[in-house]
All heavy atoms as atom14 arrays in JSON, in Angstrom:
{
  "sequence": "EWLARITAGGSPFYADSVKGRFTISRDNAKNTVYLQMNSLKPEDTAVY",
  "atom14_mask": [
    [1, 1, 1, 1, 1, 1, 1, 1, 1, 0, 0, 0, 0, 0],
    [1, 1, 1, 1, 1, 1, 1, 1, 1, 1, 1, 1, 1, 1],
    [1, 1, 1, 1, 1, 1, 1, 1, 0, 0, 0, 0, 0, 0],
    [1, 1, 1, 1, 1, 0, 0, 0, 0, 0, 0, 0, 0, 0],
    [1, 1, 1, 1, 1, 1, 1, 1, 1, 1, 1, 0, 0, 0],
    [1, 1, 1, 1, 1, 1, 1, 1, 0, 0, 0, 0, 0, 0],
    [1, 1, 1, 1, 1, 1, 1, 0, 0, 0, 0, 0, 0, 0],
    [1, 1, 1, 1, 1, 0, 0, 0, 0, 0, 0, 0, 0, 0],
    [1, 1, 1, 1, 0, 0, 0, 0, 0, 0, 0, 0, 0, 0],
    [1, 1, 1, 1, 0, 0, 0, 0, 0, 0, 0, 0, 0, 0],
    [1, 1, 1, 1, 1, 1, 0, 0, 0, 0, 0, 0, 0, 0],
    [1, 1, 1, 1, 1, 1, 1, 0, 0, 0, 0, 0, 0, 0],
    [1, 1, 1, 1, 1, 1, 1, 1, 1, 1, 1, 0, 0, 0],
    [1, 1, 1, 1, 1, 1, 1, 1, 1, 1, 1, 1, 0, 0],
    [1, 1, 1, 1, 1, 0, 0, 0, 0, 0, 0, 0, 0, 0],
    [1, 1, 1, 1, 1, 1, 1, 1, 0, 0, 0, 0, 0, 0],
    [1, 1, 1, 1, 1, 1, 0, 0, 0, 0, 0, 0, 0, 0],
    [1, 1, 1, 1, 1, 1, 1, 0, 0, 0, 0, 0, 0, 0],
    [1, 1, 1, 1, 1, 1, 1, 1, 1, 0, 0, 0, 0, 0],
    [1, 1, 1, 1, 0, 0, 0, 0, 0, 0, 0, 0, 0, 0],
    [1, 1, 1, 1, 1, 1, 1, 1, 1, 1, 1, 0, 0, 0],
    [1, 1, 1, 1, 1, 1, 1, 1, 1, 1, 1, 0, 0, 0],
    [1, 1, 1, 1, 1, 1, 1, 0, 0, 0, 0, 0, 0, 0],
    [1, 1, 1, 1, 1, 1, 1, 1, 0, 0, 0, 0, 0, 0],
    [1, 1, 1, 1, 1, 1, 0, 0, 0, 0, 0, 0, 0, 0],
    [1, 1, 1, 1, 1, 1, 1, 1, 1, 1, 1, 0, 0, 0],
    [1, 1, 1, 1, 1, 1, 1, 1, 0, 0, 0, 0, 0, 0],
    [1, 1, 1, 1, 1, 1, 1, 1, 0, 0, 0, 0, 0, 0],
    [1, 1, 1, 1, 1, 0, 0, 0, 0, 0, 0, 0, 0, 0],
    [1, 1, 1, 1, 1, 1, 1, 1, 1, 0, 0, 0, 0, 0],
    [1, 1, 1, 1, 1, 1, 1, 1, 0, 0, 0, 0, 0, 0],
    [1, 1, 1, 1, 1, 1, 1, 0, 0, 0, 0, 0, 0, 0],
    [1, 1, 1, 1, 1, 1, 1, 0, 0, 0, 0, 0, 0, 0],
    [1, 1, 1, 1, 1, 1, 1, 1, 1, 1, 1, 1, 0, 0],
    [1, 1, 1, 1, 1, 1, 1, 1, 0, 0, 0, 0, 0, 0],
    [1, 1, 1, 1, 1, 1, 1, 1, 1, 0, 0, 0, 0, 0],
    [1, 1, 1, 1, 1, 1, 1, 1, 0, 0, 0, 0, 0, 0],
    [1, 1, 1, 1, 1, 1, 1, 1, 0, 0, 0, 0, 0, 0],
    [1, 1, 1, 1, 1, 1, 0, 0, 0, 0, 0, 0, 0, 0],
    [1, 1, 1, 1, 1, 1, 1, 1, 0, 0, 0, 0, 0, 0],
    [1, 1, 1, 1, 1, 1, 1, 1, 1, 0, 0, 0, 0, 0],
    [1, 1, 1, 1, 1, 1, 1, 0, 0, 0, 0, 0, 0, 0],
    [1, 1, 1, 1, 1, 1, 1, 1, 1, 0, 0, 0, 0, 0],
    [1, 1, 1, 1, 1, 1, 1, 1, 0, 0, 0, 0, 0, 0],
    [1, 1, 1, 1, 1, 1, 1, 0, 0, 0, 0, 0, 0, 0],
    [1, 1, 1, 1, 1, 0, 0, 0, 0, 0, 0, 0, 0, 0],
    [1, 1, 1, 1, 1, 1, 1, 0, 0, 0, 0, 0, 0, 0],
    [1, 1, 1, 1, 1, 1, 1, 1, 1, 1, 1, 1, 0, 0]
  ],
  "atom14_positions": [
    [[2.92, 6.03, -11.81], [2.22, 5.75, -13.02], [1.34, 4.64, -13.0], [1.56, 3.58, -12.33], [3.4, 5.18, -14.09], [2.87, 4.78, -15.39], [3.95, 4.09, -16.25], [5.11, 3.84, -15.74], [3.65, 3.93, -17.51], [0.0, 0.0, 0.0], [0.0, 0.0, 0.0], [0.0, 0.0, 0.0], [0.0, 0.0, 0.0], [0.0, 0.0, 0.0]],
    [[-0.01, 4.85, -13.35], [-0.94, 3.93, -13.39], [-0.69, 2.71, -14.48], [-0.38, 3.15, -15.63], [-2.36, 4.43, -13.6], [-3.5, 3.43, -13.86], [-3.96, 2.69, -12.84], [-4.06, 3.1, -15.07], [-4.97, 1.8, -13.35], [-4.96, 1.95, -14.75], [-3.96, 3.48, -16.23], [-5.76, 1.43, -15.69], [-4.76, 2.85, -17.27], [-5.58, 1.89, -16.97]],
    [[-0.98, 1.52, -14.13], [-0.56, 0.4, -15.03], [-1.82, -0.31, -15.5], [-2.06, -0.65, -16.61], [0.41, -0.51, -14.36], [1.73, -0.09, -13.91], [2.48, -1.1, -13.14], [2.52, 0.57, -15.06], [0.0, 0.0, 0.0], [0.0, 0.0, 0.0], [0.0, 0.0, 0.0], [0.0, 0.0, 0.0], [0.0, 0.0, 0.0], [0.0, 0.0, 0.0]],
    [[-2.64, -0.62, -14.46], [-3.83, -1.56, -14.69], [-4.77, -1.46, -13.69], [-4.47, -1.06, -12.53], [-3.3, -3.06, -14.9], [0.0, 0.0, 0.0], [0.0, 0.0, 0.0], [0.0, 0.0, 0.0], [0.0, 0.0, 0.0], [0.0, 0.0, 0.0], [0.0, 0.0, 0.0], [0.0, 0.0, 0.0], [0.0, 0.0, 0.0], [0.0, 0.0, 0.0]],
    [[-6.1, -1.85, -13.93], [-7.0, -1.92, -12.87], [-8.0, -3.11, -13.3], [-8.08, -3.53, -14.49], [-7.84, -0.67, -12.68], [-8.82, -0.31, -13.89], [-9.56, 0.92, -13.69], [-10.54, 1.23, -14.6], [-10.42, 1.97, -15.73], [-9.23, 2.45, -15.98], [-11.4, 2.15, -16.51], [0.0, 0.0, 0.0], [0.0, 0.0, 0.0], [0.0, 0.0, 0.0]],
    [[-8.62, -3.6, -12.21], [-9.55, -4.64, -12.4], [-10.85, -4.42, -11.49], [-10.67, -4.13, -10.45], [-8.96, -6.05, -12.18], [-9.92, -7.22, -12.49], [-8.48, -6.21, -10.66], [-9.24, -8.6, -12.62], [0.0, 0.0, 0.0], [0.0, 0.0, 0.0], [0.0, 0.0, 0.0], [0.0, 0.0, 0.0], [0.0, 0.0, 0.0], [0.0, 0.0, 0.0]],
    [[-11.95, -4.48, -12.18], [-13.09, -4.21, -11.44], [-13.56, -5.35, -10.59], [-13.02, -6.51, -10.56], [-14.26, -3.92, -12.43], [-14.53, -5.08, -13.15], [-13.89, -2.93, -13.44], [0.0, 0.0, 0.0], [0.0, 0.0, 0.0], [0.0, 0.0, 0.0], [0.0, 0.0, 0.0], [0.0, 0.0, 0.0], [0.0, 0.0, 0.0], [0.0, 0.0, 0.0]],
    [[-14.57, -5.17, -9.78], [-15.05, -6.25, -8.86], [-15.55, -7.44, -9.65], [-15.41, -8.57, -9.25], [-16.13, -5.64, -7.97], [0.0, 0.0, 0.0], [0.0, 0.0, 0.0], [0.0, 0.0, 0.0], [0.0, 0.0, 0.0], [0.0, 0.0, 0.0], [0.0, 0.0, 0.0], [0.0, 0.0, 0.0], [0.0, 0.0, 0.0], [0.0, 0.0, 0.0]],
    [[-16.05, -7.09, -10.87], [-16.47, -8.17, -11.7], [-15.45, -8.84, -12.57], [-15.76, -9.85, -13.3], [0.0, 0.0, 0.0], [0.0, 0.0, 0.0], [0.0, 0.0, 0.0], [0.0, 0.0, 0.0], [0.0, 0.0, 0.0], [0.0, 0.0, 0.0], [0.0, 0.0, 0.0], [0.0, 0.0, 0.0], [0.0, 0.0, 0.0], [0.0, 0.0, 0.0]],
    [[-14.21, -8.38, -12.44], [-13.18, -8.96, -13.12], [-12.78, -8.44, -14.46], [-11.93, -8.91, -15.24], [0.0, 0.0, 0.0], [0.0, 0.0, 0.0], [0.0, 0.0, 0.0], [0.0, 0.0, 0.0], [0.0, 0.0, 0.0], [0.0, 0.0, 0.0], [0.0, 0.0, 0.0], [0.0, 0.0, 0.0], [0.0, 0.0, 0.0], [0.0, 0.0, 0.0]],
    [[-13.25, -7.19, -14.85], [-12.92, -6.63, -16.16], [-11.66, -5.83, -16.03], [-11.46, -5.02, -15.13], [-13.99, -5.58, -16.46], [-15.31, -6.3, -16.66], [0.0, 0.0, 0.0], [0.0, 0.0, 0.0], [0.0, 0.0, 0.0], [0.0, 0.0, 0.0], [0.0, 0.0, 0.0], [0.0, 0.0, 0.0], [0.0, 0.0, 0.0], [0.0, 0.0, 0.0]],
    [[-10.66, -6.13, -16.77], [-9.27, -5.53, -16.79], [-9.21, -4.41, -17.68], [-9.82, -4.41, -18.9], [-8.39, -6.68, -17.24], [-9.26, -7.48, -18.18], [-10.61, -7.34, -17.75], [0.0, 0.0, 0.0], [0.0, 0.0, 0.0], [0.0, 0.0, 0.0], [0.0, 0.0, 0.0], [0.0, 0.0, 0.0], [0.0, 0.0, 0.0], [0.0, 0.0, 0.0]],
    [[-8.35, -3.44, -17.3], [-8.05, -2.24, -18.19], [-6.55, -2.0, -18.03], [-6.03, -2.15, -16.92], [-8.88, -1.0, -17.68], [-10.33, -1.2, -17.92], [-11.1, -1.74, -16.79], [-10.98, -0.84, -19.01], [-12.44, -1.95, -16.96], [-12.44, -1.08, -19.15], [-13.08, -1.57, -18.1], [0.0, 0.0, 0.0], [0.0, 0.0, 0.0], [0.0, 0.0, 0.0]],
    [[-5.83, -1.57, -19.06], [-4.48, -1.55, -19.11], [-3.99, -0.18, -19.59], [-4.58, 0.39, -20.6], [-3.8, -2.61, -19.81], [-4.07, -3.89, -19.35], [-5.12, -4.62, -19.94], [-3.31, -4.58, -18.38], [-5.44, -5.93, -19.5], [-3.54, -5.78, -17.98], [-4.62, -6.59, -18.38], [-4.92, -7.76, -18.03], [0.0, 0.0, 0.0], [0.0, 0.0, 0.0]],
    [[-2.84, 0.3, -19.08], [-2.18, 1.48, -19.65], [-1.51, 1.04, -21.04], [-1.07, -0.17, -21.03], [-1.16, 2.07, -18.72], [0.0, 0.0, 0.0], [0.0, 0.0, 0.0], [0.0, 0.0, 0.0], [0.0, 0.0, 0.0], [0.0, 0.0, 0.0], [0.0, 0.0, 0.0], [0.0, 0.0, 0.0], [0.0, 0.0, 0.0], [0.0, 0.0, 0.0]],
    [[-1.35, 1.82, -21.95], [-0.73, 1.46, -23.24], [0.62, 0.98, -23.0], [1.16, 0.14, -23.76], [-0.72, 2.72, -24.17], [-2.11, 3.03, -24.7], [-3.08, 2.18, -24.69], [-2.37, 4.2, -25.17], [0.0, 0.0, 0.0], [0.0, 0.0, 0.0], [0.0, 0.0, 0.0], [0.0, 0.0, 0.0], [0.0, 0.0, 0.0], [0.0, 0.0, 0.0]],
    [[1.42, 1.56, -21.96], [2.79, 1.16, -21.78], [2.98, -0.35, -21.48], [4.09, -0.83, -21.56], [3.41, 2.05, -20.78], [2.71, 1.82, -19.48], [0.0, 0.0, 0.0], [0.0, 0.0, 0.0], [0.0, 0.0, 0.0], [0.0, 0.0, 0.0], [0.0, 0.0, 0.0], [0.0, 0.0, 0.0], [0.0, 0.0, 0.0], [0.0, 0.0, 0.0]],
    [[1.88, -1.0, -20.91], [2.05, -2.4, -20.51], [1.1, -3.32, -21.17], [1.18, -4.53, -21.01], [1.89, -2.56, -18.98], [2.86, -1.59, -18.33], [0.42, -2.15, -18.57], [0.0, 0.0, 0.0], [0.0, 0.0, 0.0], [0.0, 0.0, 0.0], [0.0, 0.0, 0.0], [0.0, 0.0, 0.0], [0.0, 0.0, 0.0], [0.0, 0.0, 0.0]],
    [[0.17, -2.8, -22.08], [-0.82, -3.7, -22.82], [-0.06, -4.67, -23.64], [0.9, -4.29, -24.31], [-1.72, -2.67, -23.53], [-2.94, -3.36, -23.99], [-3.8, -2.3, -24.78], [-4.3, -1.16, -23.9], [-5.27, -0.29, -24.5], [0.0, 0.0, 0.0], [0.0, 0.0, 0.0], [0.0, 0.0, 0.0], [0.0, 0.0, 0.0], [0.0, 0.0, 0.0]],
    [[-0.59, -5.99, -23.38], [0.13, -6.98, -24.16], [1.37, -7.7, -23.41], [1.62, -8.78, -23.76], [0.0, 0.0, 0.0], [0.0, 0.0, 0.0], [0.0, 0.0, 0.0], [0.0, 0.0, 0.0], [0.0, 0.0, 0.0], [0.0, 0.0, 0.0], [0.0, 0.0, 0.0], [0.0, 0.0, 0.0], [0.0, 0.0, 0.0], [0.0, 0.0, 0.0]],
    [[1.75, -7.06, -22.49], [2.9, -7.7, -21.59], [2.34, -8.01, -20.28], [2.83, -9.01, -19.61], [4.12, -6.69, -21.62], [4.79, -6.37, -22.89], [6.05, -5.69, -22.62], [5.95, -4.5, -22.02], [6.6, -4.13, -20.99], [7.46, -4.97, -20.4], [6.54, -2.93, -20.34], [0.0, 0.0, 0.0], [0.0, 0.0, 0.0], [0.0, 0.0, 0.0]],
    [[1.56, -7.14, -19.71], [1.1, -7.45, -18.33], [-0.27, -7.81, -18.23], [-1.22, -7.39, -19.17], [1.2, -6.07, -17.49], [2.6, -5.62, -17.19], [3.65, -6.13, -17.72], [2.86, -4.48, -16.38], [5.02, -5.73, -17.52], [4.01, -4.01, -16.09], [5.12, -4.65, -16.57], [0.0, 0.0, 0.0], [0.0, 0.0, 0.0], [0.0, 0.0, 0.0]],
    [[-0.68, -8.77, -17.33], [-2.01, -9.32, -17.23], [-2.44, -9.06, -15.7], [-1.71, -9.54, -14.91], [-2.23, -10.66, -17.66], [-1.74, -10.86, -18.99], [-3.59, -11.26, -17.61], [0.0, 0.0, 0.0], [0.0, 0.0, 0.0], [0.0, 0.0, 0.0], [0.0, 0.0, 0.0], [0.0, 0.0, 0.0], [0.0, 0.0, 0.0], [0.0, 0.0, 0.0]],
    [[-3.52, -8.51, -15.44], [-4.13, -8.32, -14.13], [-5.22, -9.38, -13.96], [-5.98, -9.61, -14.81], [-4.58, -6.95, -13.84], [-4.92, -6.69, -12.42], [-5.77, -6.44, -14.78], [-5.07, -5.23, -12.05], [0.0, 0.0, 0.0], [0.0, 0.0, 0.0], [0.0, 0.0, 0.0], [0.0, 0.0, 0.0], [0.0, 0.0, 0.0], [0.0, 0.0, 0.0]],
    [[-5.37, -9.9, -12.77], [-6.35, -10.88, -12.47], [-6.72, -10.84, -10.95], [-5.83, -10.3, -10.28], [-5.96, -12.38, -12.88], [-4.78, -12.77, -12.23], [0.0, 0.0, 0.0], [0.0, 0.0, 0.0], [0.0, 0.0, 0.0], [0.0, 0.0, 0.0], [0.0, 0.0, 0.0], [0.0, 0.0, 0.0], [0.0, 0.0, 0.0], [0.0, 0.0, 0.0]],
    [[-7.79, -11.53, -10.65], [-8.08, -11.46, -9.14], [-8.64, -12.84, -8.79], [-9.2, -13.51, -9.57], [-9.07, -10.27, -8.87], [-10.41, -10.51, -9.53], [-11.21, -9.08, -9.31], [-11.43, -8.79, -7.85], [-11.52, -7.62, -7.42], [-11.66, -6.44, -8.29], [-11.66, -7.35, -6.15], [0.0, 0.0, 0.0], [0.0, 0.0, 0.0], [0.0, 0.0, 0.0]],
    [[-8.43, -13.14, -7.43], [-8.97, -14.3, -6.88], [-9.72, -13.98, -5.63], [-9.16, -13.5, -4.61], [-7.86, -15.31, -6.39], [-8.38, -16.58, -5.76], [-9.45, -16.68, -5.38], [-7.69, -17.58, -5.89], [0.0, 0.0, 0.0], [0.0, 0.0, 0.0], [0.0, 0.0, 0.0], [0.0, 0.0, 0.0], [0.0, 0.0, 0.0], [0.0, 0.0, 0.0]],
    [[-11.12, -13.66, -5.93], [-11.95, -13.06, -4.86], [-11.89, -13.99, -3.57], [-11.93, -13.4, -2.44], [-13.27, -12.99, -5.33], [-13.38, -11.83, -6.4], [-12.52, -10.85, -6.31], [-14.29, -11.99, -7.16], [0.0, 0.0, 0.0], [0.0, 0.0, 0.0], [0.0, 0.0, 0.0], [0.0, 0.0, 0.0], [0.0, 0.0, 0.0], [0.0, 0.0, 0.0]],
    [[-11.67, -15.21, -3.69], [-11.66, -16.21, -2.47], [-10.45, -15.86, -1.48], [-10.51, -16.21, -0.38], [-11.83, -17.57, -2.9], [0.0, 0.0, 0.0], [0.0, 0.0, 0.0], [0.0, 0.0, 0.0], [0.0, 0.0, 0.0], [0.0, 0.0, 0.0], [0.0, 0.0, 0.0], [0.0, 0.0, 0.0], [0.0, 0.0, 0.0], [0.0, 0.0, 0.0]],
    [[-9.34, -15.38, -2.22], [-8.18, -15.15, -1.55], [-7.98, -13.68, -1.31], [-6.94, -13.24, -0.76], [-6.96, -15.65, -2.26], [-7.02, -17.19, -2.42], [-5.7, -17.78, -3.17], [-5.79, -19.29, -3.26], [-4.63, -19.76, -3.92], [0.0, 0.0, 0.0], [0.0, 0.0, 0.0], [0.0, 0.0, 0.0], [0.0, 0.0, 0.0], [0.0, 0.0, 0.0]],
    [[-8.85, -12.94, -1.72], [-8.72, -11.3, -1.58], [-7.44, -10.86, -2.15], [-6.8, -10.14, -1.63], [-8.96, -10.93, -0.13], [-10.22, -11.02, 0.42], [-11.18, -10.96, -0.26], [-10.36, -11.21, 1.75], [0.0, 0.0, 0.0], [0.0, 0.0, 0.0], [0.0, 0.0, 0.0], [0.0, 0.0, 0.0], [0.0, 0.0, 0.0], [0.0, 0.0, 0.0]],
    [[-7.09, -11.45, -3.33], [-5.81, -11.22, -3.89], [-5.94, -10.79, -5.39], [-6.73, -11.43, -6.16], [-4.89, -12.37, -3.78], [-4.69, -12.73, -2.34], [-3.55, -12.27, -4.49], [0.0, 0.0, 0.0], [0.0, 0.0, 0.0], [0.0, 0.0, 0.0], [0.0, 0.0, 0.0], [0.0, 0.0, 0.0], [0.0, 0.0, 0.0], [0.0, 0.0, 0.0]],
    [[-5.2, -9.89, -5.8], [-5.17, -9.49, -7.2], [-3.69, -9.7, -7.63], [-2.76, -9.4, -6.88], [-5.53, -7.98, -7.34], [-5.19, -7.4, -8.7], [-7.01, -7.81, -7.03], [0.0, 0.0, 0.0], [0.0, 0.0, 0.0], [0.0, 0.0, 0.0], [0.0, 0.0, 0.0], [0.0, 0.0, 0.0], [0.0, 0.0, 0.0], [0.0, 0.0, 0.0]],
    [[-3.58, -10.16, -8.83], [-2.18, -10.44, -9.3], [-1.88, -9.64, -10.47], [-2.75, -9.01, -11.16], [-2.05, -11.9, -9.9], [-2.54, -12.92, -8.79], [-3.9, -13.45, -8.74], [-1.53, -13.27, -7.84], [-4.19, -14.35, -7.68], [-1.95, -14.26, -6.87], [-3.21, -14.79, -6.84], [-3.54, -15.71, -5.84], [0.0, 0.0, 0.0], [0.0, 0.0, 0.0]],
    [[-0.56, -9.41, -10.78], [-0.05, -8.77, -11.93], [1.01, -9.55, -12.41], [2.17, -9.62, -12.05], [0.4, -7.33, -11.6], [0.77, -6.47, -12.8], [-0.51, -6.06, -13.62], [1.7, -5.18, -12.47], [0.0, 0.0, 0.0], [0.0, 0.0, 0.0], [0.0, 0.0, 0.0], [0.0, 0.0, 0.0], [0.0, 0.0, 0.0], [0.0, 0.0, 0.0]],
    [[0.67, -10.24, -13.59], [1.57, -10.98, -14.31], [2.37, -10.17, -15.25], [1.74, -9.59, -16.14], [0.96, -12.17, -14.97], [1.93, -13.04, -15.91], [2.86, -13.92, -15.13], [2.47, -14.41, -14.01], [4.08, -13.94, -15.47], [0.0, 0.0, 0.0], [0.0, 0.0, 0.0], [0.0, 0.0, 0.0], [0.0, 0.0, 0.0], [0.0, 0.0, 0.0]],
    [[3.61, -10.2, -15.17], [4.45, -9.31, -15.95], [5.51, -10.17, -16.88], [6.24, -10.78, -16.31], [5.25, -8.31, -15.17], [4.38, -7.5, -14.16], [5.25, -6.28, -13.13], [6.47, -7.25, -12.34], [0.0, 0.0, 0.0], [0.0, 0.0, 0.0], [0.0, 0.0, 0.0], [0.0, 0.0, 0.0], [0.0, 0.0, 0.0], [0.0, 0.0, 0.0]],
    [[5.28, -9.91, -18.17], [6.16, -10.85, -19.11], [6.99, -9.82, -19.93], [6.64, -8.63, -19.94], [5.24, -11.62, -19.93], [4.51, -12.55, -19.13], [4.79, -13.1, -18.11], [3.26, -12.99, -19.66], [0.0, 0.0, 0.0], [0.0, 0.0, 0.0], [0.0, 0.0, 0.0], [0.0, 0.0, 0.0], [0.0, 0.0, 0.0], [0.0, 0.0, 0.0]],
    [[8.01, -10.33, -20.56], [8.8, -9.62, -21.53], [9.36, -8.29, -20.66], [9.2, -7.17, -21.35], [8.11, -9.3, -22.72], [7.58, -10.39, -23.36], [0.0, 0.0, 0.0], [0.0, 0.0, 0.0], [0.0, 0.0, 0.0], [0.0, 0.0, 0.0], [0.0, 0.0, 0.0], [0.0, 0.0, 0.0], [0.0, 0.0, 0.0], [0.0, 0.0, 0.0]],
    [[9.82, -8.46, -19.6], [10.24, -7.3, -18.88], [11.38, -6.59, -19.35], [12.35, -7.27, -20.05], [10.44, -7.71, -17.33], [9.18, -8.08, -16.52], [9.54, -8.8, -15.31], [8.47, -6.6, -16.15], [0.0, 0.0, 0.0], [0.0, 0.0, 0.0], [0.0, 0.0, 0.0], [0.0, 0.0, 0.0], [0.0, 0.0, 0.0], [0.0, 0.0, 0.0]],
    [[11.32, -5.25, -19.3], [12.45, -4.45, -19.75], [13.12, -3.66, -18.67], [12.45, -3.42, -17.6], [11.85, -3.45, -20.83], [11.0, -4.07, -21.88], [10.35, -2.9, -22.62], [9.36, -3.56, -23.69], [8.62, -2.52, -24.48], [0.0, 0.0, 0.0], [0.0, 0.0, 0.0], [0.0, 0.0, 0.0], [0.0, 0.0, 0.0], [0.0, 0.0, 0.0]],
    [[14.34, -3.15, -18.81], [14.99, -2.38, -17.84], [14.17, -1.23, -17.34], [14.22, -0.78, -16.23], [16.29, -2.05, -18.56], [16.59, -3.05, -19.43], [15.36, -3.5, -19.98], [0.0, 0.0, 0.0], [0.0, 0.0, 0.0], [0.0, 0.0, 0.0], [0.0, 0.0, 0.0], [0.0, 0.0, 0.0], [0.0, 0.0, 0.0], [0.0, 0.0, 0.0]],
    [[13.45, -0.66, -18.37], [12.64, 0.56, -17.91], [11.38, 0.09, -17.16], [10.66, 1.13, -16.6], [12.21, 1.27, -19.29], [11.58, 0.39, -20.25], [12.5, 0.0, -21.42], [13.62, -0.38, -20.98], [12.21, 0.13, -22.5], [0.0, 0.0, 0.0], [0.0, 0.0, 0.0], [0.0, 0.0, 0.0], [0.0, 0.0, 0.0], [0.0, 0.0, 0.0]],
    [[11.22, -1.14, -16.93], [10.14, -1.48, -15.94], [10.55, -1.47, -14.48], [9.75, -1.71, -13.61], [9.58, -2.92, -16.34], [8.87, -3.0, -17.56], [8.03, -2.13, -17.94], [9.16, -3.95, -18.38], [0.0, 0.0, 0.0], [0.0, 0.0, 0.0], [0.0, 0.0, 0.0], [0.0, 0.0, 0.0], [0.0, 0.0, 0.0], [0.0, 0.0, 0.0]],
    [[11.87, -1.17, -14.19], [12.39, -1.14, -12.99], [11.75, -0.1, -12.07], [11.56, 1.19, -12.6], [13.81, -0.88, -12.95], [14.62, -2.06, -13.58], [14.42, -0.66, -11.55], [0.0, 0.0, 0.0], [0.0, 0.0, 0.0], [0.0, 0.0, 0.0], [0.0, 0.0, 0.0], [0.0, 0.0, 0.0], [0.0, 0.0, 0.0], [0.0, 0.0, 0.0]],
    [[11.13, -0.4, -11.09], [10.47, 0.53, -10.19], [9.83, -0.14, -8.9], [10.09, -1.34, -8.8], [9.18, 1.08, -11.07], [0.0, 0.0, 0.0], [0.0, 0.0, 0.0], [0.0, 0.0, 0.0], [0.0, 0.0, 0.0], [0.0, 0.0, 0.0], [0.0, 0.0, 0.0], [0.0, 0.0, 0.0], [0.0, 0.0, 0.0], [0.0, 0.0, 0.0]],
    [[9.26, 0.66, -8.04], [8.49, 0.1, -7.0], [7.05, 0.05, -7.44], [6.53, 1.02, -7.93], [8.64, 0.96, -5.73], [7.81, 0.48, -4.56], [9.97, 1.18, -5.28], [0.0, 0.0, 0.0], [0.0, 0.0, 0.0], [0.0, 0.0, 0.0], [0.0, 0.0, 0.0], [0.0, 0.0, 0.0], [0.0, 0.0, 0.0], [0.0, 0.0, 0.0]],
    [[6.46, -1.15, -7.29], [5.12, -1.41, -7.72], [4.17, -1.5, -6.57], [4.4, -2.1, -5.46], [5.05, -2.72, -8.44], [5.65, -2.72, -9.87], [7.06, -2.57, -10.0], [4.88, -2.85, -10.89], [7.62, -2.38, -11.36], [5.38, -2.76, -12.17], [6.81, -2.51, -12.37], [7.38, -2.47, -13.72], [0.0, 0.0, 0.0], [0.0, 0.0, 0.0]]
  ]
}
């Protein structure tokens, strides 16, 4: 299941299932993208 994406310029997009709970961000200096997940539910259990 697709959850979120972030463009090279930093524009985020979210699936409806996680909008408002998950936040995607990136640190280009570290070549790292983050997924902050809040208000987690049992149905969020998965391999990410």
